[in-house]
Amino acid sequence: MPVIAYHVLHLIWVFRLGPIEFLGTAEQLVVQAMEARNTKLGEDHPDMLISMNNLASTYMKQGRWEEAEQLEVQVMETRKTKLGEDHPDTLTSMANLAFTWKSSGHDAKAVN
């Protein structure tokens, strides 16, 4: 991983774990990383899916449940297609989606 990319990822985590006021900055950095990865790697590359998941996580921390859910479903479906339903990354995506559903009050969806 190039040094600059490493530092951007580090900043994203610092902003996401910091005070709530930093989430907007984290979102901007995640979107920039996601756009760069999409241009260089394509939308179904594993690193691109990680960026999408990071953005979904940022949305979730902001209470933007629908946007988080949309991204998580897209990541999960792409991983199912590329990696299979039993791959650990696919299962992690399923768990992330269930957690979003649970956090947003959709317990029935999360259990099923």
PDB file of N, CA and C in Angstrom:
ATOM      1  N   MET A   1       0.852  -1.171   0.000  1.00  0.00           N
ATOM      2  CA  MET A   1       0.000   0.000   0.000  1.00  0.00           C
ATOM      3  C   MET A   1       0.902   1.240   0.000  1.00  0.00           C
ATOM      4  N   PRO A   2       0.671   2.159  -0.922  1.00  0.00           N
ATOM      5  CA  PRO A   2       1.471   3.384  -0.941  1.00  0.00           C
ATOM      6  C   PRO A   2       1.351   4.143   0.382  1.00  0.00           C
ATOM      7  N   VAL A   3       2.399   4.857   0.732  1.00  0.00           N
ATOM      8  CA  VAL A   3       2.454   5.571   2.002  1.00  0.00           C
ATOM      9  C   VAL A   3       1.305   6.572   2.127  1.00  0.00           C
ATOM     10  N   ILE A   4       1.009   7.306   1.067  1.00  0.00           N
ATOM     11  CA  ILE A   4      -0.069   8.300   1.125  1.00  0.00           C
ATOM     12  C   ILE A   4      -1.406   7.617   1.406  1.00  0.00           C
ATOM     13  N   ALA A   5      -1.668   6.499   0.735  1.00  0.00           N
ATOM     14  CA  ALA A   5      -2.922   5.772   0.964  1.00  0.00           C
ATOM     15  C   ALA A   5      -3.017   5.308   2.411  1.00  0.00           C
ATOM     16  N   TYR A   6      -1.908   4.850   2.970  1.00  0.00           N
ATOM     17  CA  TYR A   6      -1.901   4.422   4.363  1.00  0.00           C
ATOM     18  C   TYR A   6      -2.270   5.583   5.285  1.00  0.00           C
ATOM     19  N   HIS A   7      -1.696   6.749   5.041  1.00  0.00           N
ATOM     20  CA  HIS A   7      -1.973   7.906   5.891  1.00  0.00           C
ATOM     21  C   HIS A   7      -3.418   8.379   5.754  1.00  0.00           C
ATOM     22  N   VAL A   8      -3.975   8.303   4.557  1.00  0.00           N
ATOM     23  CA  VAL A   8      -5.389   8.667   4.370  1.00  0.00           C
ATOM     24  C   VAL A   8      -6.267   7.703   5.160  1.00  0.00           C
ATOM     25  N   LEU A   9      -5.983   6.408   5.074  1.00  0.00           N
ATOM     26  CA  LEU A   9      -6.771   5.429   5.824  1.00  0.00           C
ATOM     27  C   LEU A   9      -6.656   5.679   7.331  1.00  0.00           C
ATOM     28  N   HIS A  10      -5.464   6.014   7.786  1.00  0.00           N
ATOM     29  CA  HIS A  10      -5.277   6.317   9.203  1.00  0.00           C
ATOM     30  C   HIS A  10      -6.121   7.530   9.617  1.00  0.00           C
ATOM     31  N   LEU A  11      -6.107   8.570   8.804  1.00  0.00           N
ATOM     32  CA  LEU A  11      -6.915   9.760   9.110  1.00  0.00           C
ATOM     33  C   LEU A  11      -8.398   9.434   9.159  1.00  0.00           C
ATOM     34  N   ILE A  12      -8.841   8.598   8.240  1.00  0.00           N
ATOM     35  CA  ILE A  12     -10.257   8.206   8.232  1.00  0.00           C
ATOM     36  C   ILE A  12     -10.619   7.583   9.574  1.00  0.00           C
ATOM     37  N   TRP A  13      -9.792   6.665  10.053  1.00  0.00           N
ATOM     38  CA  TRP A  13     -10.089   6.000  11.325  1.00  0.00           C
ATOM     39  C   TRP A  13     -10.036   6.979  12.493  1.00  0.00           C
ATOM     40  N   VAL A  14      -9.074   7.889  12.473  1.00  0.00           N
ATOM     41  CA  VAL A  14      -8.988   8.884  13.541  1.00  0.00           C
ATOM     42  C   VAL A  14     -10.273   9.702  13.582  1.00  0.00           C
ATOM     43  N   PHE A  15     -10.727  10.181  12.425  1.00  0.00           N
ATOM     44  CA  PHE A  15     -11.935  10.993  12.385  1.00  0.00           C
ATOM     45  C   PHE A  15     -13.180  10.189  12.745  1.00  0.00           C
ATOM     46  N   ARG A  16     -13.248   8.925  12.320  1.00  0.00           N
ATOM     47  CA  ARG A  16     -14.431   8.114  12.619  1.00  0.00           C
ATOM     48  C   ARG A  16     -14.511   7.762  14.088  1.00  0.00           C
ATOM     49  N   LEU A  17     -13.371   7.619  14.755  1.00  0.00           N
ATOM     50  CA  LEU A  17     -13.365   7.245  16.162  1.00  0.00           C
ATOM     51  C   LEU A  17     -13.385   8.456  17.094  1.00  0.00           C
ATOM     52  N   GLY A  18     -13.184   9.629  16.522  1.00  0.00           N
ATOM     53  CA  GLY A  18     -13.143  10.848  17.323  1.00  0.00           C
ATOM     54  C   GLY A  18     -14.535  11.359  17.626  1.00  0.00           C
ATOM     55  N   PRO A  19     -14.602  12.607  18.053  1.00  0.00           N
ATOM     56  CA  PRO A  19     -15.903  13.222  18.373  1.00  0.00           C
ATOM     57  C   PRO A  19     -16.838  13.209  17.163  1.00  0.00           C
ATOM     58  N   ILE A  20     -18.114  13.251  17.432  1.00  0.00           N
ATOM     59  CA  ILE A  20     -19.147  13.198  16.391  1.00  0.00           C
ATOM     60  C   ILE A  20     -18.943  14.277  15.332  1.00  0.00           C
ATOM     61  N   GLU A  21     -18.366  15.402  15.728  1.00  0.00           N
ATOM     62  CA  GLU A  21     -18.148  16.503  14.782  1.00  0.00           C
ATOM     63  C   GLU A  21     -17.186  16.102  13.662  1.00  0.00           C
ATOM     64  N   PHE A  22     -16.360  15.095  13.896  1.00  0.00           N
ATOM     65  CA  PHE A  22     -15.370  14.669  12.904  1.00  0.00           C
ATOM     66  C   PHE A  22     -15.956  13.750  11.833  1.00  0.00           C
ATOM     67  N   LEU A  23     -17.186  13.280  12.016  1.00  0.00           N
ATOM     68  CA  LEU A  23     -17.746  12.313  11.072  1.00  0.00           C
ATOM     69  C   LEU A  23     -17.912  12.887   9.670  1.00  0.00           C
ATOM     70  N   GLY A  24     -18.208  14.167   9.551  1.00  0.00           N
ATOM     71  CA  GLY A  24     -18.320  14.791   8.223  1.00  0.00           C
ATOM     72  C   GLY A  24     -16.995  14.752   7.495  1.00  0.00           C
ATOM     73  N   THR A  25     -15.914  15.018   8.216  1.00  0.00           N
ATOM     74  CA  THR A  25     -14.581  14.951   7.623  1.00  0.00           C
ATOM     75  C   THR A  25     -14.250  13.518   7.243  1.00  0.00           C
ATOM     76  N   ALA A  26     -14.581  12.583   8.118  1.00  0.00           N
ATOM     77  CA  ALA A  26     -14.347  11.165   7.814  1.00  0.00           C
ATOM     78  C   ALA A  26     -15.102  10.764   6.555  1.00  0.00           C
ATOM     79  N   GLU A  27     -16.345  11.211   6.457  1.00  0.00           N
ATOM     80  CA  GLU A  27     -17.151  10.885   5.271  1.00  0.00           C
ATOM     81  C   GLU A  27     -16.487  11.406   3.996  1.00  0.00           C
ATOM     82  N   GLN A  28     -16.010  12.649   4.030  1.00  0.00           N
ATOM     83  CA  GLN A  28     -15.346  13.223   2.851  1.00  0.00           C
ATOM     84  C   GLN A  28     -14.122  12.408   2.451  1.00  0.00           C
ATOM     85  N   LEU A  29     -13.326  12.000   3.426  1.00  0.00           N
ATOM     86  CA  LEU A  29     -12.126  11.213   3.136  1.00  0.00           C
ATOM     87  C   LEU A  29     -12.476   9.835   2.583  1.00  0.00           C
ATOM     88  N   VAL A  30     -13.499   9.211   3.158  1.00  0.00           N
ATOM     89  CA  VAL A  30     -13.917   7.894   2.679  1.00  0.00           C
ATOM     90  C   VAL A  30     -14.427   7.992   1.246  1.00  0.00           C
ATOM     91  N   VAL A  31     -15.214   9.012   0.957  1.00  0.00           N
ATOM     92  CA  VAL A  31     -15.740   9.195  -0.404  1.00  0.00           C
ATOM     93  C   VAL A  31     -14.586   9.406  -1.388  1.00  0.00           C
ATOM     94  N   GLN A  32     -13.595  10.214  -1.013  1.00  0.00           N
ATOM     95  CA  GLN A  32     -12.442  10.431  -1.887  1.00  0.00           C
ATOM     96  C   GLN A  32     -11.689   9.127  -2.131  1.00  0.00           C
ATOM     97  N   ALA A  33     -11.469   8.350  -1.080  1.00  0.00           N
ATOM     98  CA  ALA A  33     -10.776   7.064  -1.223  1.00  0.00           C
ATOM     99  C   ALA A  33     -11.593   6.120  -2.105  1.00  0.00           C
ATOM    100  N   MET A  34     -12.900   6.111  -1.904  1.00  0.00           N
ATOM    101  CA  MET A  34     -13.771   5.238  -2.679  1.00  0.00           C
ATOM    102  C   MET A  34     -13.759   5.620  -4.157  1.00  0.00           C
ATOM    103  N   GLU A  35     -13.817   6.902  -4.454  1.00  0.00           N
ATOM    104  CA  GLU A  35     -13.792   7.354  -5.846  1.00  0.00           C
ATOM    105  C   GLU A  35     -12.465   7.003  -6.519  1.00  0.00           C
ATOM    106  N   ALA A  36     -11.361   7.180  -5.791  1.00  0.00           N
ATOM    107  CA  ALA A  36     -10.052   6.840  -6.351  1.00  0.00           C
ATOM    108  C   ALA A  36      -9.941   5.346  -6.608  1.00  0.00           C
ATOM    109  N   ARG A  37     -10.411   4.544  -5.657  1.00  0.00           N
ATOM    110  CA  ARG A  37     -10.362   3.088  -5.841  1.00  0.00           C
ATOM    111  C   ARG A  37     -11.260   2.647  -6.994  1.00  0.00           C
ATOM    112  N   ASN A  38     -12.414   3.255  -7.117  1.00  0.00           N
ATOM    113  CA  ASN A  38     -13.323   2.896  -8.201  1.00  0.00           C
ATOM    114  C   ASN A  38     -12.678   3.187  -9.549  1.00  0.00           C
ATOM    115  N   THR A  39     -12.014   4.338  -9.667  1.00  0.00           N
ATOM    116  CA  THR A  39     -11.356   4.715 -10.913  1.00  0.00           C
ATOM    117  C   THR A  39     -10.209   3.763 -11.247  1.00  0.00           C
ATOM    118  N   LYS A  40      -9.410   3.453 -10.245  1.00  0.00           N
ATOM    119  CA  LYS A  40      -8.213   2.630 -10.473  1.00  0.00           C
ATOM    120  C   LYS A  40      -8.499   1.135 -10.529  1.00  0.00           C
ATOM    121  N   LEU A  41      -9.450   0.673  -9.709  1.00  0.00           N
ATOM    122  CA  LEU A  41      -9.619  -0.766  -9.517  1.00  0.00           C
ATOM    123  C   LEU A  41     -10.932  -1.323 -10.042  1.00  0.00           C
ATOM    124  N   GLY A  42     -11.957  -0.487 -10.128  1.00  0.00           N
ATOM    125  CA  GLY A  42     -13.266  -0.970 -10.551  1.00  0.00           C
ATOM    126  C   GLY A  42     -14.168  -1.202  -9.350  1.00  0.00           C
ATOM    127  N   GLU A  43     -15.477  -1.202  -9.623  1.00  0.00           N
ATOM    128  CA  GLU A  43     -16.447  -1.210  -8.528  1.00  0.00           C
ATOM    129  C   GLU A  43     -16.576  -2.534  -7.791  1.00  0.00           C
ATOM    130  N   ASP A  44     -16.086  -3.642  -8.369  1.00  0.00           N
ATOM    131  CA  ASP A  44     -16.221  -4.919  -7.667  1.00  0.00           C
ATOM    132  C   ASP A  44     -14.889  -5.440  -7.110  1.00  0.00           C
ATOM    133  N   HIS A  45     -13.871  -4.589  -7.098  1.00  0.00           N
ATOM    134  CA  HIS A  45     -12.577  -4.967  -6.510  1.00  0.00           C
ATOM    135  C   HIS A  45     -12.720  -5.032  -4.987  1.00  0.00           C
ATOM    136  N   PRO A  46     -12.060  -6.007  -4.348  1.00  0.00           N
ATOM    137  CA  PRO A  46     -12.176  -6.133  -2.882  1.00  0.00           C
ATOM    138  C   PRO A  46     -11.844  -4.846  -2.112  1.00  0.00           C
ATOM    139  N   ASP A  47     -10.840  -4.086  -2.556  1.00  0.00           N
ATOM    140  CA  ASP A  47     -10.498  -2.843  -1.867  1.00  0.00           C
ATOM    141  C   ASP A  47     -11.604  -1.801  -2.022  1.00  0.00           C
ATOM    142  N   MET A  48     -12.250  -1.787  -3.173  1.00  0.00           N
ATOM    143  CA  MET A  48     -13.368  -0.876  -3.395  1.00  0.00           C
ATOM    144  C   MET A  48     -14.529  -1.237  -2.463  1.00  0.00           C
ATOM    145  N   LEU A  49     -14.768  -2.523  -2.296  1.00  0.00           N
ATOM    146  CA  LEU A  49     -15.837  -2.973  -1.410  1.00  0.00           C
ATOM    147  C   LEU A  49     -15.536  -2.592   0.042  1.00  0.00           C
ATOM    148  N   ILE A  50     -14.271  -2.614   0.426  1.00  0.00           N
ATOM    149  CA  ILE A  50     -13.883  -2.173   1.765  1.00  0.00           C
ATOM    150  C   ILE A  50     -14.207  -0.691   1.932  1.00  0.00           C
ATOM    151  N   SER A  51     -13.892   0.118   0.918  1.00  0.00           N
ATOM    152  CA  SER A  51     -14.216   1.548   0.984  1.00  0.00           C
ATOM    153  C   SER A  51     -15.719   1.769   1.097  1.00  0.00           C
ATOM    154  N   MET A  52     -16.492   1.009   0.342  1.00  0.00           N
ATOM    155  CA  MET A  52     -17.945   1.129   0.414  1.00  0.00           C
ATOM    156  C   MET A  52     -18.443   0.757   1.811  1.00  0.00           C
ATOM    157  N   ASN A  53     -17.868  -0.291   2.376  1.00  0.00           N
ATOM    158  CA  ASN A  53     -18.251  -0.700   3.721  1.00  0.00           C
ATOM    159  C   ASN A  53     -17.875   0.370   4.743  1.00  0.00           C
ATOM    160  N   ASN A  54     -16.711   0.999   4.565  1.00  0.00           N
ATOM    161  CA  ASN A  54     -16.302   2.081   5.466  1.00  0.00           C
ATOM    162  C   ASN A  54     -17.273   3.257   5.396  1.00  0.00           C
ATOM    163  N   LEU A  55     -17.726   3.569   4.189  1.00  0.00           N
ATOM    164  CA  LEU A  55     -18.698   4.658   4.038  1.00  0.00           C
ATOM    165  C   LEU A  55     -20.023   4.278   4.697  1.00  0.00           C
ATOM    166  N   ALA A  56     -20.447   3.031   4.520  1.00  0.00           N
ATOM    167  CA  ALA A  56     -21.678   2.572   5.164  1.00  0.00           C
ATOM    168  C   ALA A  56     -21.564   2.685   6.680  1.00  0.00           C
ATOM    169  N   SER A  57     -20.410   2.323   7.213  1.00  0.00           N
ATOM    170  CA  SER A  57     -20.186   2.427   8.649  1.00  0.00           C
ATOM    171  C   SER A  57     -20.240   3.880   9.115  1.00  0.00           C
ATOM    172  N   THR A  58     -19.684   4.779   8.327  1.00  0.00           N
ATOM    173  CA  THR A  58     -19.731   6.203   8.653  1.00  0.00           C
ATOM    174  C   THR A  58     -21.170   6.701   8.625  1.00  0.00           C
ATOM    175  N   TYR A  59     -21.933   6.286   7.607  1.00  0.00           N
ATOM    176  CA  TYR A  59     -23.348   6.662   7.540  1.00  0.00           C
ATOM    177  C   TYR A  59     -24.093   6.143   8.776  1.00  0.00           C
ATOM    178  N   MET A  60     -23.792   4.920   9.178  1.00  0.00           N
ATOM    179  CA  MET A  60     -24.471   4.337  10.317  1.00  0.00           C
ATOM    180  C   MET A  60     -24.197   5.154  11.584  1.00  0.00           C
ATOM    181  N   LYS A  61     -22.952   5.562  11.769  1.00  0.00           N
ATOM    182  CA  LYS A  61     -22.597   6.373  12.941  1.00  0.00           C
ATOM    183  C   LYS A  61     -23.328   7.720  12.923  1.00  0.00           C
ATOM    184  N   GLN A  62     -23.698   8.190  11.727  1.00  0.00           N
ATOM    185  CA  GLN A  62     -24.428   9.444  11.588  1.00  0.00           C
ATOM    186  C   GLN A  62     -25.940   9.237  11.681  1.00  0.00           C
ATOM    187  N   GLY A  63     -26.380   7.988  11.808  1.00  0.00           N
ATOM    188  CA  GLY A  63     -27.811   7.699  11.865  1.00  0.00           C
ATOM    189  C   GLY A  63     -28.468   7.705  10.503  1.00  0.00           C
ATOM    190  N   ARG A  64     -27.687   7.598   9.460  1.00  0.00           N
ATOM    191  CA  ARG A  64     -28.204   7.589   8.083  1.00  0.00           C
ATOM    192  C   ARG A  64     -28.404   6.132   7.657  1.00  0.00           C
ATOM    193  N   TRP A  65     -29.409   5.513   8.270  1.00  0.00           N
ATOM    194  CA  TRP A  65     -29.623   4.076   8.166  1.00  0.00           C
ATOM    195  C   TRP A  65     -29.893   3.596   6.741  1.00  0.00           C
ATOM    196  N   GLU A  66     -30.731   4.305   6.008  1.00  0.00           N
ATOM    197  CA  GLU A  66     -31.090   3.860   4.654  1.00  0.00           C
ATOM    198  C   GLU A  66     -29.874   3.877   3.728  1.00  0.00           C
ATOM    199  N   GLU A  67     -29.070   4.924   3.822  1.00  0.00           N
ATOM    200  CA  GLU A  67     -27.877   5.001   2.984  1.00  0.00           C
ATOM    201  C   GLU A  67     -26.876   3.908   3.360  1.00  0.00           C
ATOM    202  N   ALA A  68     -26.748   3.662   4.661  1.00  0.00           N
ATOM    203  CA  ALA A  68     -25.853   2.585   5.114  1.00  0.00           C
ATOM    204  C   ALA A  68     -26.355   1.241   4.590  1.00  0.00           C
ATOM    205  N   GLU A  69     -27.654   1.020   4.713  1.00  0.00           N
ATOM    206  CA  GLU A  69     -28.235  -0.242   4.264  1.00  0.00           C
ATOM    207  C   GLU A  69     -28.014  -0.458   2.760  1.00  0.00           C
ATOM    208  N   GLN A  70     -28.230   0.575   1.965  1.00  0.00           N
ATOM    209  CA  GLN A  70     -28.051   0.436   0.513  1.00  0.00           C
ATOM    210  C   GLN A  70     -26.626   0.007   0.158  1.00  0.00           C
ATOM    211  N   LEU A  71     -25.650   0.654   0.771  1.00  0.00           N
ATOM    212  CA  LEU A  71     -24.259   0.294   0.498  1.00  0.00           C
ATOM    213  C   LEU A  71     -23.938  -1.111   0.990  1.00  0.00           C
ATOM    214  N   GLU A  72     -24.423  -1.461   2.171  1.00  0.00           N
ATOM    215  CA  GLU A  72     -24.138  -2.786   2.716  1.00  0.00           C
ATOM    216  C   GLU A  72     -24.761  -3.890   1.879  1.00  0.00           C
ATOM    217  N   VAL A  73     -25.951  -3.661   1.370  1.00  0.00           N
ATOM    218  CA  VAL A  73     -26.585  -4.649   0.493  1.00  0.00           C
ATOM    219  C   VAL A  73     -25.756  -4.805  -0.789  1.00  0.00           C
ATOM    220  N   GLN A  74     -25.314  -3.695  -1.351  1.00  0.00           N
ATOM    221  CA  GLN A  74     -24.507  -3.748  -2.572  1.00  0.00           C
ATOM    222  C   GLN A  74     -23.197  -4.508  -2.332  1.00  0.00           C
ATOM    223  N   VAL A  75     -22.541  -4.228  -1.222  1.00  0.00           N
ATOM    224  CA  VAL A  75     -21.288  -4.928  -0.889  1.00  0.00           C
ATOM    225  C   VAL A  75     -21.562  -6.418  -0.701  1.00  0.00           C
ATOM    226  N   MET A  76     -22.607  -6.741   0.052  1.00  0.00           N
ATOM    227  CA  MET A  76     -22.933  -8.137   0.309  1.00  0.00           C
ATOM    228  C   MET A  76     -23.243  -8.900  -0.979  1.00  0.00           C
ATOM    229  N   GLU A  77     -24.066  -8.311  -1.834  1.00  0.00           N
ATOM    230  CA  GLU A  77     -24.437  -8.985  -3.082  1.00  0.00           C
ATOM    231  C   GLU A  77     -23.223  -9.169  -3.998  1.00  0.00           C
ATOM    232  N   THR A  78     -22.360  -8.170  -4.072  1.00  0.00           N
ATOM    233  CA  THR A  78     -21.158  -8.300  -4.902  1.00  0.00           C
ATOM    234  C   THR A  78     -20.252  -9.385  -4.350  1.00  0.00           C
ATOM    235  N   ARG A  79     -20.081  -9.415  -3.047  1.00  0.00           N
ATOM    236  CA  ARG A  79     -19.234 -10.452  -2.442  1.00  0.00           C
ATOM    237  C   ARG A  79     -19.837 -11.841  -2.630  1.00  0.00           C
ATOM    238  N   LYS A  80     -21.156 -11.959  -2.543  1.00  0.00           N
ATOM    239  CA  LYS A  80     -21.798 -13.257  -2.800  1.00  0.00           C
ATOM    240  C   LYS A  80     -21.469 -13.740  -4.202  1.00  0.00           C
ATOM    241  N   THR A  81     -21.578 -12.826  -5.170  1.00  0.00           N
ATOM    242  CA  THR A  81     -21.325 -13.174  -6.568  1.00  0.00           C
ATOM    243  C   THR A  81     -19.856 -13.513  -6.809  1.00  0.00           C
ATOM    244  N   LYS A  82     -18.948 -12.690  -6.281  1.00  0.00           N
ATOM    245  CA  LYS A  82     -17.514 -12.848  -6.546  1.00  0.00           C
ATOM    246  C   LYS A  82     -16.855 -13.918  -5.682  1.00  0.00           C
ATOM    247  N   LEU A  83     -17.293 -14.021  -4.422  1.00  0.00           N
ATOM    248  CA  LEU A  83     -16.585 -14.875  -3.465  1.00  0.00           C
ATOM    249  C   LEU A  83     -17.381 -16.104  -3.023  1.00  0.00           C
ATOM    250  N   GLY A  84     -18.697 -16.040  -3.181  1.00  0.00           N
ATOM    251  CA  GLY A  84     -19.550 -17.122  -2.704  1.00  0.00           C
ATOM    252  C   GLY A  84     -20.206 -16.759  -1.377  1.00  0.00           C
ATOM    253  N   GLU A  85     -21.319 -17.454  -1.089  1.00  0.00           N
ATOM    254  CA  GLU A  85     -22.096 -17.140   0.110  1.00  0.00           C
ATOM    255  C   GLU A  85     -21.397 -17.512   1.405  1.00  0.00           C
ATOM    256  N   ASP A  86     -20.473 -18.475   1.363  1.00  0.00           N
ATOM    257  CA  ASP A  86     -19.835 -18.953   2.586  1.00  0.00           C
ATOM    258  C   ASP A  86     -18.471 -18.327   2.850  1.00  0.00           C
ATOM    259  N   HIS A  87     -18.050 -17.406   1.999  1.00  0.00           N
ATOM    260  CA  HIS A  87     -16.743 -16.770   2.192  1.00  0.00           C
ATOM    261  C   HIS A  87     -16.801 -15.872   3.438  1.00  0.00           C
ATOM    262  N   PRO A  88     -15.731 -15.835   4.231  1.00  0.00           N
ATOM    263  CA  PRO A  88     -15.733 -14.999   5.437  1.00  0.00           C
ATOM    264  C   PRO A  88     -16.076 -13.526   5.182  1.00  0.00           C
ATOM    265  N   ASP A  89     -15.620 -12.948   4.075  1.00  0.00           N
ATOM    266  CA  ASP A  89     -15.941 -11.547   3.779  1.00  0.00           C
ATOM    267  C   ASP A  89     -17.433 -11.362   3.499  1.00  0.00           C
ATOM    268  N   THR A  90     -18.037 -12.336   2.825  1.00  0.00           N
ATOM    269  CA  THR A  90     -19.477 -12.280   2.559  1.00  0.00           C
ATOM    270  C   THR A  90     -20.255 -12.384   3.869  1.00  0.00           C
ATOM    271  N   LEU A  91     -19.823 -13.295   4.719  1.00  0.00           N
ATOM    272  CA  LEU A  91     -20.492 -13.465   6.012  1.00  0.00           C
ATOM    273  C   LEU A  91     -20.351 -12.214   6.876  1.00  0.00           C
ATOM    274  N   THR A  92     -19.198 -11.564   6.806  1.00  0.00           N
ATOM    275  CA  THR A  92     -19.010 -10.306   7.530  1.00  0.00           C
ATOM    276  C   THR A  92     -19.972  -9.242   7.008  1.00  0.00           C
ATOM    277  N   SER A  93     -20.147  -9.201   5.681  1.00  0.00           N
ATOM    278  CA  SER A  93     -21.095  -8.247   5.091  1.00  0.00           C
ATOM    279  C   SER A  93     -22.514  -8.515   5.568  1.00  0.00           C
ATOM    280  N   MET A  94     -22.873  -9.776   5.662  1.00  0.00           N
ATOM    281  CA  MET A  94     -24.209 -10.131   6.165  1.00  0.00           C
ATOM    282  C   MET A  94     -24.378  -9.679   7.611  1.00  0.00           C
ATOM    283  N   ALA A  95     -23.343  -9.872   8.409  1.00  0.00           N
ATOM    284  CA  ALA A  95     -23.393  -9.458   9.813  1.00  0.00           C
ATOM    285  C   ALA A  95     -23.494  -7.935   9.924  1.00  0.00           C
ATOM    286  N   ASN A  96     -22.753  -7.217   9.086  1.00  0.00           N
ATOM    287  CA  ASN A  96     -22.816  -5.759   9.092  1.00  0.00           C
ATOM    288  C   ASN A  96     -24.221  -5.277   8.775  1.00  0.00           C
ATOM    289  N   LEU A  97     -24.842  -5.883   7.779  1.00  0.00           N
ATOM    290  CA  LEU A  97     -26.201  -5.502   7.393  1.00  0.00           C
ATOM    291  C   LEU A  97     -27.185  -5.793   8.523  1.00  0.00           C
ATOM    292  N   ALA A  98     -27.042  -6.958   9.141  1.00  0.00           N
ATOM    293  CA  ALA A  98     -27.922  -7.314  10.264  1.00  0.00           C
ATOM    294  C   ALA A  98     -27.749  -6.322  11.413  1.00  0.00           C
ATOM    295  N   PHE A  99     -26.514  -5.907  11.674  1.00  0.00           N
ATOM    296  CA  PHE A  99     -26.258  -4.940  12.747  1.00  0.00           C
ATOM    297  C   PHE A  99     -26.916  -3.590  12.427  1.00  0.00           C
ATOM    298  N   THR A 100     -26.847  -3.186  11.171  1.00  0.00           N
ATOM    299  CA  THR A 100     -27.498  -1.932  10.764  1.00  0.00           C
ATOM    300  C   THR A 100     -29.004  -2.037  10.957  1.00  0.00           C
ATOM    301  N   TRP A 101     -29.579  -3.145  10.530  1.00  0.00           N
ATOM    302  CA  TRP A 101     -31.012  -3.337  10.716  1.00  0.00           C
ATOM    303  C   TRP A 101     -31.385  -3.300  12.198  1.00  0.00           C
ATOM    304  N   LYS A 102     -30.622  -3.985  13.014  1.00  0.00           N
ATOM    305  CA  LYS A 102     -30.891  -4.008  14.460  1.00  0.00           C
ATOM    306  C   LYS A 102     -30.765  -2.607  15.049  1.00  0.00           C
ATOM    307  N   SER A 103     -29.711  -1.895  14.672  1.00  0.00           N
ATOM    308  CA  SER A 103     -29.470  -0.551  15.210  1.00  0.00           C
ATOM    309  C   SER A 103     -30.546   0.438  14.791  1.00  0.00           C
ATOM    310  N   SER A 104     -31.162   0.201  13.638  1.00  0.00           N
ATOM    311  CA  SER A 104     -32.190   1.127  13.146  1.00  0.00           C
ATOM    312  C   SER A 104     -33.598   0.706  13.554  1.00  0.00           C
ATOM    313  N   GLY A 105     -33.686  -0.325  14.423  1.00  0.00           N
ATOM    314  CA  GLY A 105     -34.991  -0.737  14.949  1.00  0.00           C
ATOM    315  C   GLY A 105     -35.710  -1.775  14.117  1.00  0.00           C
ATOM    316  N   HIS A 106     -35.037  -2.368  13.147  1.00  0.00           N
ATOM    317  CA  HIS A 106     -35.650  -3.400  12.313  1.00  0.00           C
ATOM    318  C   HIS A 106     -35.186  -4.786  12.787  1.00  0.00           C
ATOM    319  N   ASP A 107     -35.576  -5.115  14.001  1.00  0.00           N
ATOM    320  CA  ASP A 107     -35.117  -6.360  14.621  1.00  0.00           C
ATOM    321  C   ASP A 107     -35.522  -7.602  13.829  1.00  0.00           C
ATOM    322  N   ALA A 108     -36.735  -7.592  13.274  1.00  0.00           N
ATOM    323  CA  ALA A 108     -37.201  -8.765  12.537  1.00  0.00           C
ATOM    324  C   ALA A 108     -36.322  -9.040  11.324  1.00  0.00           C
ATOM    325  N   LYS A 109     -35.932  -7.984  10.605  1.00  0.00           N
ATOM    326  CA  LYS A 109     -35.040  -8.152   9.454  1.00  0.00           C
ATOM    327  C   LYS A 109     -33.689  -8.707   9.912  1.00  0.00           C
ATOM    328  N   ALA A 110     -33.184  -8.191  11.013  1.00  0.00           N
ATOM    329  CA  ALA A 110     -31.864  -8.591  11.506  1.00  0.00           C
ATOM    330  C   ALA A 110     -31.829 -10.063  11.876  1.00  0.00           C
ATOM    331  N   VAL A 111     -32.895 -10.572  12.432  1.00  0.00           N
ATOM    332  CA  VAL A 111     -32.931 -11.973  12.866  1.00  0.00           C
ATOM    333  C   VAL A 111     -33.054 -12.913  11.676  1.00  0.00           C
ATOM    334  N   ASN A 112     -33.821 -12.494  10.685  1.00  0.00           N
ATOM    335  CA  ASN A 112     -34.021 -13.353   9.518  1.00  0.00           C
ATOM    336  C   ASN A 112     -32.857 -13.194   8.593  1.00  0.00           C
TER     337      ASN A 112
END
